[in-house]
Amino acid sequence: MVLNLINFIQVAIVWILIIPELLYSIHREGREVKKATPASVTEQLGRYTSMILMILPLGIREFGFTSKEEMIIYFSANGIFLFAYILFYILFFKKQSFSVAMVLASLRVIVFGLCGILLHHWFLIIFAIIFAIGHFAVTVKKYKGA
């Protein structure tokens, strides 16, 4: 299965990842202005570049799967991880905790990385790793006070 220039399946995945974050940021109290730390810059660079690479096949010739098994894994694993992401965000809305924040961070990274691996999109894998480094650092600092 070869995907088009703009991958609408990946667009849906990105929106599923964005919507809970938007709802959380709209409804949370005590909105603080973040300072631009190296971790937050790394996180934002990785996050937004990963989102762009999820949608556009920049740096690769063919945007698709090499086998039916990859496609089955792609749809089933992403479905499971995105369902878990929504469930954990519901828990996070009710009570914010370090453990739930780390699960949410892990699920975001896993979705970006899984899509990169299964679509053979090496730039997406690289920026998913960059996002993971920054995102975990920011999450630990925010919830553990490190």
C-alpha atoms as a PDB file:
ATOM      1  CA  MET A   1       0.000   0.000   0.000  1.00  0.00           C
ATOM      2  CA  VAL A   2       1.519   3.266  -1.145  1.00  0.00           C
ATOM      3  CA  LEU A   3       0.241   6.432   0.475  1.00  0.00           C
ATOM      4  CA  ASN A   4      -0.370   9.778  -1.215  1.00  0.00           C
ATOM      5  CA  LEU A   5       1.740  12.915  -0.918  1.00  0.00           C
ATOM      6  CA  ILE A   6      -0.294  13.936   2.108  1.00  0.00           C
ATOM      7  CA  ASN A   7      -1.049  10.946   4.271  1.00  0.00           C
ATOM      8  CA  PHE A   8      -4.568  11.493   5.592  1.00  0.00           C
ATOM      9  CA  ILE A   9      -4.353   8.508   7.935  1.00  0.00           C
ATOM     10  CA  GLN A  10      -1.337  10.118   9.564  1.00  0.00           C
ATOM     11  CA  VAL A  11      -3.206  13.463   9.663  1.00  0.00           C
ATOM     12  CA  ALA A  12      -5.910  11.736  11.705  1.00  0.00           C
ATOM     13  CA  ILE A  13      -3.296  10.256  14.043  1.00  0.00           C
ATOM     14  CA  VAL A  14      -1.714  13.676  14.579  1.00  0.00           C
ATOM     15  CA  TRP A  15      -5.128  15.200  15.345  1.00  0.00           C
ATOM     16  CA  ILE A  16      -5.880  12.437  17.838  1.00  0.00           C
ATOM     17  CA  LEU A  17      -2.601  13.325  19.561  1.00  0.00           C
ATOM     18  CA  ILE A  18      -3.258  17.085  19.442  1.00  0.00           C
ATOM     19  CA  ILE A  19      -6.914  17.360  20.512  1.00  0.00           C
ATOM     20  CA  PRO A  20      -6.486  16.159  24.130  1.00  0.00           C
ATOM     21  CA  GLU A  21      -3.474  18.456  24.547  1.00  0.00           C
ATOM     22  CA  LEU A  22      -5.480  21.414  23.244  1.00  0.00           C
ATOM     23  CA  LEU A  23      -8.397  20.640  25.543  1.00  0.00           C
ATOM     24  CA  TYR A  24      -6.045  20.294  28.501  1.00  0.00           C
ATOM     25  CA  SER A  25      -4.253  23.566  27.771  1.00  0.00           C
ATOM     26  CA  ILE A  26      -7.568  25.433  27.374  1.00  0.00           C
ATOM     27  CA  HIS A  27      -9.000  24.181  30.665  1.00  0.00           C
ATOM     28  CA  ARG A  28      -5.981  24.060  32.959  1.00  0.00           C
ATOM     29  CA  GLU A  29      -5.562  26.690  35.588  1.00  0.00           C
ATOM     30  CA  GLY A  30      -2.425  28.651  36.333  1.00  0.00           C
ATOM     31  CA  ARG A  31      -1.121  28.913  32.823  1.00  0.00           C
ATOM     32  CA  GLU A  32       2.528  29.677  33.159  1.00  0.00           C
ATOM     33  CA  VAL A  33       4.824  31.070  30.517  1.00  0.00           C
ATOM     34  CA  LYS A  34       7.565  28.545  29.853  1.00  0.00           C
ATOM     35  CA  LYS A  35      11.154  29.657  29.618  1.00  0.00           C
ATOM     36  CA  ALA A  36      13.030  28.450  26.576  1.00  0.00           C
ATOM     37  CA  THR A  37      15.277  25.819  28.121  1.00  0.00           C
ATOM     38  CA  PRO A  38      17.361  23.433  26.019  1.00  0.00           C
ATOM     39  CA  ALA A  39      14.958  20.611  26.940  1.00  0.00           C
ATOM     40  CA  SER A  40      11.873  22.588  25.899  1.00  0.00           C
ATOM     41  CA  VAL A  41      13.492  23.690  22.626  1.00  0.00           C
ATOM     42  CA  THR A  42      14.472  20.076  21.912  1.00  0.00           C
ATOM     43  CA  GLU A  43      10.956  18.924  22.775  1.00  0.00           C
ATOM     44  CA  GLN A  44       9.271  21.475  20.496  1.00  0.00           C
ATOM     45  CA  LEU A  45      11.692  20.868  17.621  1.00  0.00           C
ATOM     46  CA  GLY A  46      11.089  17.124  17.857  1.00  0.00           C
ATOM     47  CA  ARG A  47       7.318  17.470  18.333  1.00  0.00           C
ATOM     48  CA  TYR A  48       6.570  19.789  15.422  1.00  0.00           C
ATOM     49  CA  THR A  49       9.038  18.205  13.021  1.00  0.00           C
ATOM     50  CA  SER A  50       7.615  14.755  13.841  1.00  0.00           C
ATOM     51  CA  MET A  51       4.095  16.039  13.167  1.00  0.00           C
ATOM     52  CA  ILE A  52       5.141  17.475   9.814  1.00  0.00           C
ATOM     53  CA  LEU A  53       6.990  14.277   8.872  1.00  0.00           C
ATOM     54  CA  MET A  54       3.969  12.192   9.882  1.00  0.00           C
ATOM     55  CA  ILE A  55       1.917  14.014   7.261  1.00  0.00           C
ATOM     56  CA  LEU A  56       4.418  14.727   4.482  1.00  0.00           C
ATOM     57  CA  PRO A  57       6.870  12.158   3.092  1.00  0.00           C
ATOM     58  CA  LEU A  58       9.846  14.510   3.213  1.00  0.00           C
ATOM     59  CA  GLY A  59      13.141  12.746   2.556  1.00  0.00           C
ATOM     60  CA  ILE A  60      11.739   9.437   1.315  1.00  0.00           C
ATOM     61  CA  ARG A  61      10.846   8.195  -2.157  1.00  0.00           C
ATOM     62  CA  GLU A  62       7.864   6.001  -1.433  1.00  0.00           C
ATOM     63  CA  PHE A  63       5.514   6.567   1.493  1.00  0.00           C
ATOM     64  CA  GLY A  64       3.998   3.192   2.245  1.00  0.00           C
ATOM     65  CA  PHE A  65       4.358  -0.355   3.515  1.00  0.00           C
ATOM     66  CA  THR A  66       6.544  -3.091   2.098  1.00  0.00           C
ATOM     67  CA  SER A  67       4.229  -5.899   3.236  1.00  0.00           C
ATOM     68  CA  LYS A  68       0.678  -6.606   4.358  1.00  0.00           C
ATOM     69  CA  GLU A  69       2.016  -7.560   7.783  1.00  0.00           C
ATOM     70  CA  GLU A  70       3.510  -4.085   8.258  1.00  0.00           C
ATOM     71  CA  MET A  71       0.165  -2.545   7.354  1.00  0.00           C
ATOM     72  CA  ILE A  72      -1.692  -4.800   9.815  1.00  0.00           C
ATOM     73  CA  ILE A  73       0.785  -3.976  12.585  1.00  0.00           C
ATOM     74  CA  TYR A  74       0.550  -0.266  11.700  1.00  0.00           C
ATOM     75  CA  PHE A  75      -3.235  -0.103  11.979  1.00  0.00           C
ATOM     76  CA  SER A  76      -3.662  -2.412  14.960  1.00  0.00           C
ATOM     77  CA  ALA A  77      -0.768  -1.049  17.040  1.00  0.00           C
ATOM     78  CA  ASN A  78      -1.637   2.582  16.325  1.00  0.00           C
ATOM     79  CA  GLY A  79      -5.263   1.851  17.173  1.00  0.00           C
ATOM     80  CA  ILE A  80      -4.276   0.301  20.496  1.00  0.00           C
ATOM     81  CA  PHE A  81      -1.774   3.040  21.376  1.00  0.00           C
ATOM     82  CA  LEU A  82      -4.141   5.876  20.431  1.00  0.00           C
ATOM     83  CA  PHE A  83      -6.995   4.295  22.388  1.00  0.00           C
ATOM     84  CA  ALA A  84      -4.674   3.988  25.411  1.00  0.00           C
ATOM     85  CA  TYR A  85      -3.566   7.599  24.868  1.00  0.00           C
ATOM     86  CA  ILE A  86      -7.156   8.838  25.048  1.00  0.00           C
ATOM     87  CA  LEU A  87      -7.882   6.727  28.136  1.00  0.00           C
ATOM     88  CA  PHE A  88      -4.783   7.977  29.931  1.00  0.00           C
ATOM     89  CA  TYR A  89      -5.619  11.564  28.995  1.00  0.00           C
ATOM     90  CA  ILE A  90      -9.033  11.083  30.625  1.00  0.00           C
ATOM     91  CA  LEU A  91      -7.218   9.933  33.776  1.00  0.00           C
ATOM     92  CA  PHE A  92      -4.853  12.893  33.478  1.00  0.00           C
ATOM     93  CA  PHE A  93      -7.781  15.336  33.253  1.00  0.00           C
ATOM     94  CA  LYS A  94      -9.149  13.930  36.496  1.00  0.00           C
ATOM     95  CA  LYS A  95      -5.859  13.862  38.407  1.00  0.00           C
ATOM     96  CA  GLN A  96      -2.455  14.894  37.170  1.00  0.00           C
ATOM     97  CA  SER A  97       0.346  12.637  38.262  1.00  0.00           C
ATOM     98  CA  PHE A  98       3.903  11.916  37.259  1.00  0.00           C
ATOM     99  CA  SER A  99       3.174   8.301  36.313  1.00  0.00           C
ATOM    100  CA  VAL A 100       0.253   9.168  34.007  1.00  0.00           C
ATOM    101  CA  ALA A 101       2.257  12.043  32.484  1.00  0.00           C
ATOM    102  CA  MET A 102       5.110   9.626  31.722  1.00  0.00           C
ATOM    103  CA  VAL A 103       2.700   7.105  30.150  1.00  0.00           C
ATOM    104  CA  LEU A 104       1.266   9.876  27.954  1.00  0.00           C
ATOM    105  CA  ALA A 105       4.771  10.999  26.984  1.00  0.00           C
ATOM    106  CA  SER A 106       5.738   7.412  26.181  1.00  0.00           C
ATOM    107  CA  LEU A 107       2.641   6.812  24.066  1.00  0.00           C
ATOM    108  CA  ARG A 108       3.284   9.933  21.958  1.00  0.00           C
ATOM    109  CA  VAL A 109       6.875   8.884  21.347  1.00  0.00           C
ATOM    110  CA  ILE A 110       5.859   5.296  20.559  1.00  0.00           C
ATOM    111  CA  VAL A 111       3.300   6.426  17.978  1.00  0.00           C
ATOM    112  CA  PHE A 112       5.813   8.678  16.197  1.00  0.00           C
ATOM    113  CA  GLY A 113       8.526   6.021  16.339  1.00  0.00           C
ATOM    114  CA  LEU A 114       6.239   3.185  15.253  1.00  0.00           C
ATOM    115  CA  CYS A 115       5.017   5.159  12.237  1.00  0.00           C
ATOM    116  CA  GLY A 116       8.593   5.993  11.307  1.00  0.00           C
ATOM    117  CA  ILE A 117       9.735   2.384  11.578  1.00  0.00           C
ATOM    118  CA  LEU A 118       6.803   0.830   9.720  1.00  0.00           C
ATOM    119  CA  LEU A 119       6.829   3.450   6.957  1.00  0.00           C
ATOM    120  CA  HIS A 120      10.648   3.295   6.708  1.00  0.00           C
ATOM    121  CA  HIS A 121      10.767   7.036   7.305  1.00  0.00           C
ATOM    122  CA  TRP A 122      14.188   7.498   8.895  1.00  0.00           C
ATOM    123  CA  PHE A 123      13.853  11.256   9.422  1.00  0.00           C
ATOM    124  CA  LEU A 124      10.674  10.638  11.420  1.00  0.00           C
ATOM    125  CA  ILE A 125      12.522   8.100  13.568  1.00  0.00           C
ATOM    126  CA  ILE A 126      15.348  10.588  14.198  1.00  0.00           C
ATOM    127  CA  PHE A 127      12.972  13.391  15.167  1.00  0.00           C
ATOM    128  CA  ALA A 128      10.876  11.018  17.304  1.00  0.00           C
ATOM    129  CA  ILE A 129      14.067  10.291  19.260  1.00  0.00           C
ATOM    130  CA  ILE A 130      14.819  14.033  19.541  1.00  0.00           C
ATOM    131  CA  PHE A 131      11.235  14.579  20.726  1.00  0.00           C
ATOM    132  CA  ALA A 132      11.588  11.746  23.250  1.00  0.00           C
ATOM    133  CA  ILE A 133      14.730  13.241  24.780  1.00  0.00           C
ATOM    134  CA  GLY A 134      13.205  16.692  25.180  1.00  0.00           C
ATOM    135  CA  HIS A 135       9.724  15.506  26.141  1.00  0.00           C
ATOM    136  CA  PHE A 136      10.884  13.141  28.870  1.00  0.00           C
ATOM    137  CA  ALA A 137      13.244  15.798  30.251  1.00  0.00           C
ATOM    138  CA  VAL A 138      10.465  18.412  30.370  1.00  0.00           C
ATOM    139  CA  THR A 139       7.968  15.946  31.876  1.00  0.00           C
ATOM    140  CA  VAL A 140      10.385  14.822  34.600  1.00  0.00           C
ATOM    141  CA  LYS A 141      11.312  18.419  35.419  1.00  0.00           C
ATOM    142  CA  LYS A 142       7.681  19.510  35.584  1.00  0.00           C
ATOM    143  CA  TYR A 143       6.338  16.650  37.688  1.00  0.00           C
ATOM    144  CA  LYS A 144       9.347  15.691  39.788  1.00  0.00           C
ATOM    145  CA  GLY A 145      10.719  19.196  40.315  1.00  0.00           C
ATOM    146  CA  ALA A 146      14.141  18.078  39.122  1.00  0.00           C
END
